[in-house]
């Protein structure tokens, strides 16, 4: 995804980012 940038006049723009982050997988033992 790319950022969506919007602004009007001389106002400081607000950058809205819609990003889906895939968490890094962690190996977890399947038993005690």
ModelCIF file with pLDDT and N, C-alpha, C, O atoms, coordinates in Angstrom:
data_MODEL
#
_entry.id   MODEL 
#
_entity.id                         1 
_entity.type                       polymer 
_entity.pdbx_number_of_molecules   1 
#
_entity_poly.entity_id                      1 
_entity_poly.type                           'polypeptide(L)' 
_entity_poly.nstd_linkage                   no 
_entity_poly.nstd_monomer                   no 
_entity_poly.pdbx_seq_one_letter_code       
;(UNK)(UNK)(UNK)(UNK)(UNK)(UNK)(UNK)(UNK)(UNK)(UNK)(UNK)(UNK)(UNK)(UNK)(UNK)(UNK)
(UNK)(UNK)(UNK)(UNK)(UNK)(UNK)(UNK)(UNK)(UNK)(UNK)(UNK)(UNK)(UNK)(UNK)(UNK)(UNK)
;
_entity_poly.pdbx_seq_one_letter_code_can   XXXXXXXXXXXXXXXXXXXXXXXXXXXXXXXX 
_entity_poly.pdbx_strand_id                 A 
#
loop_
_entity_poly_seq.entity_id 
_entity_poly_seq.num 
_entity_poly_seq.mon_id 
_entity_poly_seq.hetero 
1 1  UNK n 
1 2  UNK n 
1 3  UNK n 
1 4  UNK n 
1 5  UNK n 
1 6  UNK n 
1 7  UNK n 
1 8  UNK n 
1 9  UNK n 
1 10 UNK n 
1 11 UNK n 
1 12 UNK n 
1 13 UNK n 
1 14 UNK n 
1 15 UNK n 
1 16 UNK n 
1 17 UNK n 
1 18 UNK n 
1 19 UNK n 
1 20 UNK n 
1 21 UNK n 
1 22 UNK n 
1 23 UNK n 
1 24 UNK n 
1 25 UNK n 
1 26 UNK n 
1 27 UNK n 
1 28 UNK n 
1 29 UNK n 
1 30 UNK n 
1 31 UNK n 
1 32 UNK n 
#
_struct_asym.id          A 
_struct_asym.entity_id   1 
#
loop_
_ma_qa_metric.id 
_ma_qa_metric.mode 
_ma_qa_metric.name 
_ma_qa_metric.software_group_id 
_ma_qa_metric.type 
1 global pLDDT . pLDDT 
2 local  pLDDT . pLDDT 
#
_ma_qa_metric_global.metric_id      1 
_ma_qa_metric_global.metric_value   39.31 
_ma_qa_metric_global.model_id       1 
_ma_qa_metric_global.ordinal_id     1 
#
loop_
_ma_qa_metric_local.label_asym_id 
_ma_qa_metric_local.label_comp_id 
_ma_qa_metric_local.label_seq_id 
_ma_qa_metric_local.metric_id 
_ma_qa_metric_local.metric_value 
_ma_qa_metric_local.model_id 
_ma_qa_metric_local.ordinal_id 
A UNK 1  2 41.00 1 1  
A UNK 2  2 39.00 1 2  
A UNK 3  2 38.00 1 3  
A UNK 4  2 37.00 1 4  
A UNK 5  2 34.00 1 5  
A UNK 6  2 37.00 1 6  
A UNK 7  2 38.00 1 7  
A UNK 8  2 40.00 1 8  
A UNK 9  2 43.00 1 9  
A UNK 10 2 40.00 1 10 
A UNK 11 2 42.00 1 11 
A UNK 12 2 40.00 1 12 
A UNK 13 2 41.00 1 13 
A UNK 14 2 40.00 1 14 
A UNK 15 2 37.00 1 15 
A UNK 16 2 42.00 1 16 
A UNK 17 2 36.00 1 17 
A UNK 18 2 41.00 1 18 
A UNK 19 2 37.00 1 19 
A UNK 20 2 39.00 1 20 
A UNK 21 2 36.00 1 21 
A UNK 22 2 41.00 1 22 
A UNK 23 2 40.00 1 23 
A UNK 24 2 40.00 1 24 
A UNK 25 2 41.00 1 25 
A UNK 26 2 40.00 1 26 
A UNK 27 2 41.00 1 27 
A UNK 28 2 38.00 1 28 
A UNK 29 2 39.00 1 29 
A UNK 30 2 40.00 1 30 
A UNK 31 2 41.00 1 31 
A UNK 32 2 39.00 1 32 
#
loop_
_atom_site.group_PDB 
_atom_site.id 
_atom_site.type_symbol 
_atom_site.label_atom_id 
_atom_site.label_alt_id 
_atom_site.label_comp_id 
_atom_site.label_asym_id 
_atom_site.label_entity_id 
_atom_site.label_seq_id 
_atom_site.pdbx_PDB_ins_code 
_atom_site.Cartn_x 
_atom_site.Cartn_y 
_atom_site.Cartn_z 
_atom_site.occupancy 
_atom_site.B_iso_or_equiv 
_atom_site.pdbx_formal_charge 
_atom_site.auth_seq_id 
_atom_site.auth_comp_id 
_atom_site.auth_asym_id 
_atom_site.auth_atom_id 
_atom_site.pdbx_PDB_model_num 
ATOM 1   N N  . UNK A 1 1  ? 0.830  -1.209  0.000  1.00 41.00 ? 1  UNK A N  1 
ATOM 2   C CA . UNK A 1 1  ? 0.000  0.000   0.000  1.00 41.00 ? 1  UNK A CA 1 
ATOM 3   C C  . UNK A 1 1  ? 0.861  1.253   0.000  1.00 41.00 ? 1  UNK A C  1 
ATOM 4   O O  . UNK A 1 1  ? 1.948  1.276   0.576  1.00 41.00 ? 1  UNK A O  1 
ATOM 5   N N  . UNK A 1 2  ? 0.367  2.279   -0.644 1.00 39.00 ? 2  UNK A N  1 
ATOM 6   C CA . UNK A 1 2  ? 1.053  3.552   -0.698 1.00 39.00 ? 2  UNK A CA 1 
ATOM 7   C C  . UNK A 1 2  ? 0.282  4.553   0.160  1.00 39.00 ? 2  UNK A C  1 
ATOM 8   O O  . UNK A 1 2  ? -0.922 4.397   0.361  1.00 39.00 ? 2  UNK A O  1 
ATOM 9   N N  . UNK A 1 3  ? 0.963  5.573   0.665  1.00 38.00 ? 3  UNK A N  1 
ATOM 10  C CA . UNK A 1 3  ? 0.282  6.548   1.525  1.00 38.00 ? 3  UNK A CA 1 
ATOM 11  C C  . UNK A 1 3  ? -0.714 7.379   0.746  1.00 38.00 ? 3  UNK A C  1 
ATOM 12  O O  . UNK A 1 3  ? -0.511 7.673   -0.432 1.00 38.00 ? 3  UNK A O  1 
ATOM 13  N N  . UNK A 1 4  ? -1.779 7.751   1.407  1.00 37.00 ? 4  UNK A N  1 
ATOM 14  C CA . UNK A 1 4  ? -2.779 8.664   0.846  1.00 37.00 ? 4  UNK A CA 1 
ATOM 15  C C  . UNK A 1 4  ? -2.548 10.028  1.466  1.00 37.00 ? 4  UNK A C  1 
ATOM 16  O O  . UNK A 1 4  ? -2.683 10.193  2.679  1.00 37.00 ? 4  UNK A O  1 
ATOM 17  N N  . UNK A 1 5  ? -2.202 11.007  0.644  1.00 34.00 ? 5  UNK A N  1 
ATOM 18  C CA . UNK A 1 5  ? -1.837 12.322  1.152  1.00 34.00 ? 5  UNK A CA 1 
ATOM 19  C C  . UNK A 1 5  ? -2.898 13.329  0.733  1.00 34.00 ? 5  UNK A C  1 
ATOM 20  O O  . UNK A 1 5  ? -3.280 13.374  -0.437 1.00 34.00 ? 5  UNK A O  1 
ATOM 21  N N  . UNK A 1 6  ? -3.366 14.118  1.651  1.00 37.00 ? 6  UNK A N  1 
ATOM 22  C CA . UNK A 1 6  ? -4.351 15.141  1.321  1.00 37.00 ? 6  UNK A CA 1 
ATOM 23  C C  . UNK A 1 6  ? -3.983 16.427  2.035  1.00 37.00 ? 6  UNK A C  1 
ATOM 24  O O  . UNK A 1 6  ? -3.482 16.421  3.159  1.00 37.00 ? 6  UNK A O  1 
ATOM 25  N N  . UNK A 1 7  ? -4.254 17.554  1.334  1.00 38.00 ? 7  UNK A N  1 
ATOM 26  C CA . UNK A 1 7  ? -3.946 18.837  1.956  1.00 38.00 ? 7  UNK A CA 1 
ATOM 27  C C  . UNK A 1 7  ? -4.801 19.908  1.314  1.00 38.00 ? 7  UNK A C  1 
ATOM 28  O O  . UNK A 1 7  ? -5.298 19.719  0.204  1.00 38.00 ? 7  UNK A O  1 
ATOM 29  N N  . UNK A 1 8  ? -4.985 21.047  2.004  1.00 40.00 ? 8  UNK A N  1 
ATOM 30  C CA . UNK A 1 8  ? -5.724 22.174  1.438  1.00 40.00 ? 8  UNK A CA 1 
ATOM 31  C C  . UNK A 1 8  ? -5.027 23.457  1.863  1.00 40.00 ? 8  UNK A C  1 
ATOM 32  O O  . UNK A 1 8  ? -4.604 23.610  3.008  1.00 40.00 ? 8  UNK A O  1 
ATOM 33  N N  . UNK A 1 9  ? -4.922 24.363  0.917  1.00 43.00 ? 9  UNK A N  1 
ATOM 34  C CA . UNK A 1 9  ? -4.288 25.641  1.225  1.00 43.00 ? 9  UNK A CA 1 
ATOM 35  C C  . UNK A 1 9  ? -2.860 25.437  1.677  1.00 43.00 ? 9  UNK A C  1 
ATOM 36  O O  . UNK A 1 9  ? -2.125 24.596  1.158  1.00 43.00 ? 9  UNK A O  1 
ATOM 37  N N  . UNK A 1 10 ? -2.496 26.229  2.654  1.00 40.00 ? 10 UNK A N  1 
ATOM 38  C CA . UNK A 1 10 ? -1.137 26.158  3.179  1.00 40.00 ? 10 UNK A CA 1 
ATOM 39  C C  . UNK A 1 10 ? -1.041 25.316  4.436  1.00 40.00 ? 10 UNK A C  1 
ATOM 40  O O  . UNK A 1 10 ? 0.003  25.270  5.087  1.00 40.00 ? 10 UNK A O  1 
ATOM 41  N N  . UNK A 1 11 ? -2.111 24.664  4.765  1.00 42.00 ? 11 UNK A N  1 
ATOM 42  C CA . UNK A 1 11 ? -2.135 23.860  5.991  1.00 42.00 ? 11 UNK A CA 1 
ATOM 43  C C  . UNK A 1 11 ? -1.151 22.720  5.891  1.00 42.00 ? 11 UNK A C  1 
ATOM 44  O O  . UNK A 1 11 ? -0.884 22.188  4.813  1.00 42.00 ? 11 UNK A O  1 
ATOM 45  N N  . UNK A 1 12 ? -0.619 22.360  7.041  1.00 40.00 ? 12 UNK A N  1 
ATOM 46  C CA . UNK A 1 12 ? 0.299  21.208  7.082  1.00 40.00 ? 12 UNK A CA 1 
ATOM 47  C C  . UNK A 1 12 ? -0.485 19.955  6.756  1.00 40.00 ? 12 UNK A C  1 
ATOM 48  O O  . UNK A 1 12 ? -1.528 19.685  7.352  1.00 40.00 ? 12 UNK A O  1 
ATOM 49  N N  . UNK A 1 13 ? 0.028  19.189  5.801  1.00 41.00 ? 13 UNK A N  1 
ATOM 50  C CA . UNK A 1 13 ? -0.736 18.007  5.376  1.00 41.00 ? 13 UNK A CA 1 
ATOM 51  C C  . UNK A 1 13 ? -0.713 16.890  6.418  1.00 41.00 ? 13 UNK A C  1 
ATOM 52  O O  . UNK A 1 13 ? 0.265  16.706  7.143  1.00 41.00 ? 13 UNK A O  1 
ATOM 53  N N  . UNK A 1 14 ? -1.806 16.162  6.467  1.00 40.00 ? 14 UNK A N  1 
ATOM 54  C CA . UNK A 1 14 ? -1.890 14.961  7.300  1.00 40.00 ? 14 UNK A CA 1 
ATOM 55  C C  . UNK A 1 14 ? -1.725 13.755  6.414  1.00 40.00 ? 14 UNK A C  1 
ATOM 56  O O  . UNK A 1 14 ? -2.466 13.581  5.447  1.00 40.00 ? 14 UNK A O  1 
ATOM 57  N N  . UNK A 1 15 ? -0.771 12.931  6.731  1.00 37.00 ? 15 UNK A N  1 
ATOM 58  C CA . UNK A 1 15 ? -0.512 11.747  5.915  1.00 37.00 ? 15 UNK A CA 1 
ATOM 59  C C  . UNK A 1 15 ? -1.185 10.547  6.558  1.00 37.00 ? 15 UNK A C  1 
ATOM 60  O O  . UNK A 1 15 ? -0.871 10.189  7.693  1.00 37.00 ? 15 UNK A O  1 
ATOM 61  N N  . UNK A 1 16 ? -2.106 9.929   5.841  1.00 42.00 ? 16 UNK A N  1 
ATOM 62  C CA . UNK A 1 16 ? -2.807 8.752   6.335  1.00 42.00 ? 16 UNK A CA 1 
ATOM 63  C C  . UNK A 1 16 ? -2.299 7.529   5.594  1.00 42.00 ? 16 UNK A C  1 
ATOM 64  O O  . UNK A 1 16 ? -2.274 7.496   4.364  1.00 42.00 ? 16 UNK A O  1 
ATOM 65  N N  . UNK A 1 17 ? -1.909 6.560   6.332  1.00 36.00 ? 17 UNK A N  1 
ATOM 66  C CA . UNK A 1 17 ? -1.350 5.349   5.735  1.00 36.00 ? 17 UNK A CA 1 
ATOM 67  C C  . UNK A 1 17 ? -2.237 4.163   6.075  1.00 36.00 ? 17 UNK A C  1 
ATOM 68  O O  . UNK A 1 17 ? -2.558 3.915   7.237  1.00 36.00 ? 17 UNK A O  1 
ATOM 69  N N  . UNK A 1 18 ? -2.623 3.437   5.037  1.00 41.00 ? 18 UNK A N  1 
ATOM 70  C CA . UNK A 1 18 ? -3.391 2.209   5.254  1.00 41.00 ? 18 UNK A CA 1 
ATOM 71  C C  . UNK A 1 18 ? -2.494 1.046   4.868  1.00 41.00 ? 18 UNK A C  1 
ATOM 72  O O  . UNK A 1 18 ? -2.307 0.764   3.685  1.00 41.00 ? 18 UNK A O  1 
ATOM 73  N N  . UNK A 1 19 ? -1.941 0.375   5.861  1.00 37.00 ? 19 UNK A N  1 
ATOM 74  C CA . UNK A 1 19 ? -0.965 -0.694  5.624  1.00 37.00 ? 19 UNK A CA 1 
ATOM 75  C C  . UNK A 1 19 ? -1.338 -1.926  6.438  1.00 37.00 ? 19 UNK A C  1 
ATOM 76  O O  . UNK A 1 19 ? -1.640 -1.841  7.628  1.00 37.00 ? 19 UNK A O  1 
ATOM 77  N N  . UNK A 1 20 ? -1.309 -3.040  5.784  1.00 39.00 ? 20 UNK A N  1 
ATOM 78  C CA . UNK A 1 20 ? -1.508 -4.319  6.488  1.00 39.00 ? 20 UNK A CA 1 
ATOM 79  C C  . UNK A 1 20 ? -0.147 -4.932  6.722  1.00 39.00 ? 20 UNK A C  1 
ATOM 80  O O  . UNK A 1 20 ? 0.567  -5.256  5.773  1.00 39.00 ? 20 UNK A O  1 
ATOM 81  N N  . UNK A 1 21 ? 0.214  -5.093  7.987  1.00 36.00 ? 21 UNK A N  1 
ATOM 82  C CA . UNK A 1 21 ? 1.532  -5.609  8.336  1.00 36.00 ? 21 UNK A CA 1 
ATOM 83  C C  . UNK A 1 21 ? 1.413  -7.077  8.716  1.00 36.00 ? 21 UNK A C  1 
ATOM 84  O O  . UNK A 1 21 ? 0.649  -7.468  9.598  1.00 36.00 ? 21 UNK A O  1 
ATOM 85  N N  . UNK A 1 22 ? 2.195  -7.857  8.014  1.00 41.00 ? 22 UNK A N  1 
ATOM 86  C CA . UNK A 1 22 ? 2.215  -9.293  8.318  1.00 41.00 ? 22 UNK A CA 1 
ATOM 87  C C  . UNK A 1 22 ? 3.225  -9.539  9.429  1.00 41.00 ? 22 UNK A C  1 
ATOM 88  O O  . UNK A 1 22 ? 4.424  -9.347  9.228  1.00 41.00 ? 22 UNK A O  1 
ATOM 89  N N  . UNK A 1 23 ? 2.757  -9.960  10.597 1.00 40.00 ? 23 UNK A N  1 
ATOM 90  C CA . UNK A 1 23 ? 3.693  -10.122 11.709 1.00 40.00 ? 23 UNK A CA 1 
ATOM 91  C C  . UNK A 1 23 ? 4.726  -11.203 11.426 1.00 40.00 ? 23 UNK A C  1 
ATOM 92  O O  . UNK A 1 23 ? 4.439  -12.229 10.810 1.00 40.00 ? 23 UNK A O  1 
ATOM 93  N N  . UNK A 1 24 ? 5.929  -10.937 11.896 1.00 40.00 ? 24 UNK A N  1 
ATOM 94  C CA . UNK A 1 24 ? 6.988  -11.935 11.746 1.00 40.00 ? 24 UNK A CA 1 
ATOM 95  C C  . UNK A 1 24 ? 6.629  -13.168 12.535 1.00 40.00 ? 24 UNK A C  1 
ATOM 96  O O  . UNK A 1 24 ? 6.278  -13.081 13.712 1.00 40.00 ? 24 UNK A O  1 
ATOM 97  N N  . UNK A 1 25 ? 6.714  -14.317 11.893 1.00 41.00 ? 25 UNK A N  1 
ATOM 98  C CA . UNK A 1 25 ? 6.317  -15.562 12.559 1.00 41.00 ? 25 UNK A CA 1 
ATOM 99  C C  . UNK A 1 25 ? 7.343  -15.938 13.611 1.00 41.00 ? 25 UNK A C  1 
ATOM 100 O O  . UNK A 1 25 ? 8.549  -15.776 13.424 1.00 41.00 ? 25 UNK A O  1 
ATOM 101 N N  . UNK A 1 26 ? 6.836  -16.438 14.706 1.00 40.00 ? 26 UNK A N  1 
ATOM 102 C CA . UNK A 1 26 ? 7.688  -16.899 15.799 1.00 40.00 ? 26 UNK A CA 1 
ATOM 103 C C  . UNK A 1 26 ? 7.473  -18.375 15.995 1.00 40.00 ? 26 UNK A C  1 
ATOM 104 O O  . UNK A 1 26 ? 6.340  -18.836 16.140 1.00 40.00 ? 26 UNK A O  1 
ATOM 105 N N  . UNK A 1 27 ? 8.543  -19.107 15.999 1.00 41.00 ? 27 UNK A N  1 
ATOM 106 C CA . UNK A 1 27 ? 8.413  -20.546 16.182 1.00 41.00 ? 27 UNK A CA 1 
ATOM 107 C C  . UNK A 1 27 ? 8.149  -20.837 17.647 1.00 41.00 ? 27 UNK A C  1 
ATOM 108 O O  . UNK A 1 27 ? 8.941  -20.461 18.511 1.00 41.00 ? 27 UNK A O  1 
ATOM 109 N N  . UNK A 1 28 ? 7.051  -21.499 17.926 1.00 38.00 ? 28 UNK A N  1 
ATOM 110 C CA . UNK A 1 28 ? 6.659  -21.818 19.292 1.00 38.00 ? 28 UNK A CA 1 
ATOM 111 C C  . UNK A 1 28 ? 6.576  -23.324 19.434 1.00 38.00 ? 28 UNK A C  1 
ATOM 112 O O  . UNK A 1 28 ? 5.940  -23.976 18.606 1.00 38.00 ? 28 UNK A O  1 
ATOM 113 N N  . UNK A 1 29 ? 7.191  -23.898 20.447 1.00 39.00 ? 29 UNK A N  1 
ATOM 114 C CA . UNK A 1 29 ? 7.111  -25.357 20.600 1.00 39.00 ? 29 UNK A CA 1 
ATOM 115 C C  . UNK A 1 29 ? 5.676  -25.813 20.704 1.00 39.00 ? 29 UNK A C  1 
ATOM 116 O O  . UNK A 1 29 ? 4.849  -25.144 21.324 1.00 39.00 ? 29 UNK A O  1 
ATOM 117 N N  . UNK A 1 30 ? 5.377  -26.942 20.104 1.00 40.00 ? 30 UNK A N  1 
ATOM 118 C CA . UNK A 1 30 ? 4.014  -27.467 20.115 1.00 40.00 ? 30 UNK A CA 1 
ATOM 119 C C  . UNK A 1 30 ? 3.713  -28.287 21.328 1.00 40.00 ? 30 UNK A C  1 
ATOM 120 O O  . UNK A 1 30 ? 2.595  -28.777 21.491 1.00 40.00 ? 30 UNK A O  1 
ATOM 121 N N  . UNK A 1 31 ? 4.716  -28.451 22.204 1.00 41.00 ? 31 UNK A N  1 
ATOM 122 C CA . UNK A 1 31 ? 4.476  -29.234 23.402 1.00 41.00 ? 31 UNK A CA 1 
ATOM 123 C C  . UNK A 1 31 ? 5.172  -28.568 24.572 1.00 41.00 ? 31 UNK A C  1 
ATOM 124 O O  . UNK A 1 31 ? 5.876  -27.572 24.407 1.00 41.00 ? 31 UNK A O  1 
ATOM 125 N N  . UNK A 1 32 ? 4.975  -29.114 25.729 1.00 39.00 ? 32 UNK A N  1 
ATOM 126 C CA . UNK A 1 32 ? 5.577  -28.584 26.928 1.00 39.00 ? 32 UNK A CA 1 
ATOM 127 C C  . UNK A 1 32 ? 7.081  -28.582 26.799 1.00 39.00 ? 32 UNK A C  1 
ATOM 128 O O  . UNK A 1 32 ? 7.779  -28.164 27.723 1.00 39.00 ? 32 UNK A O  1 
#
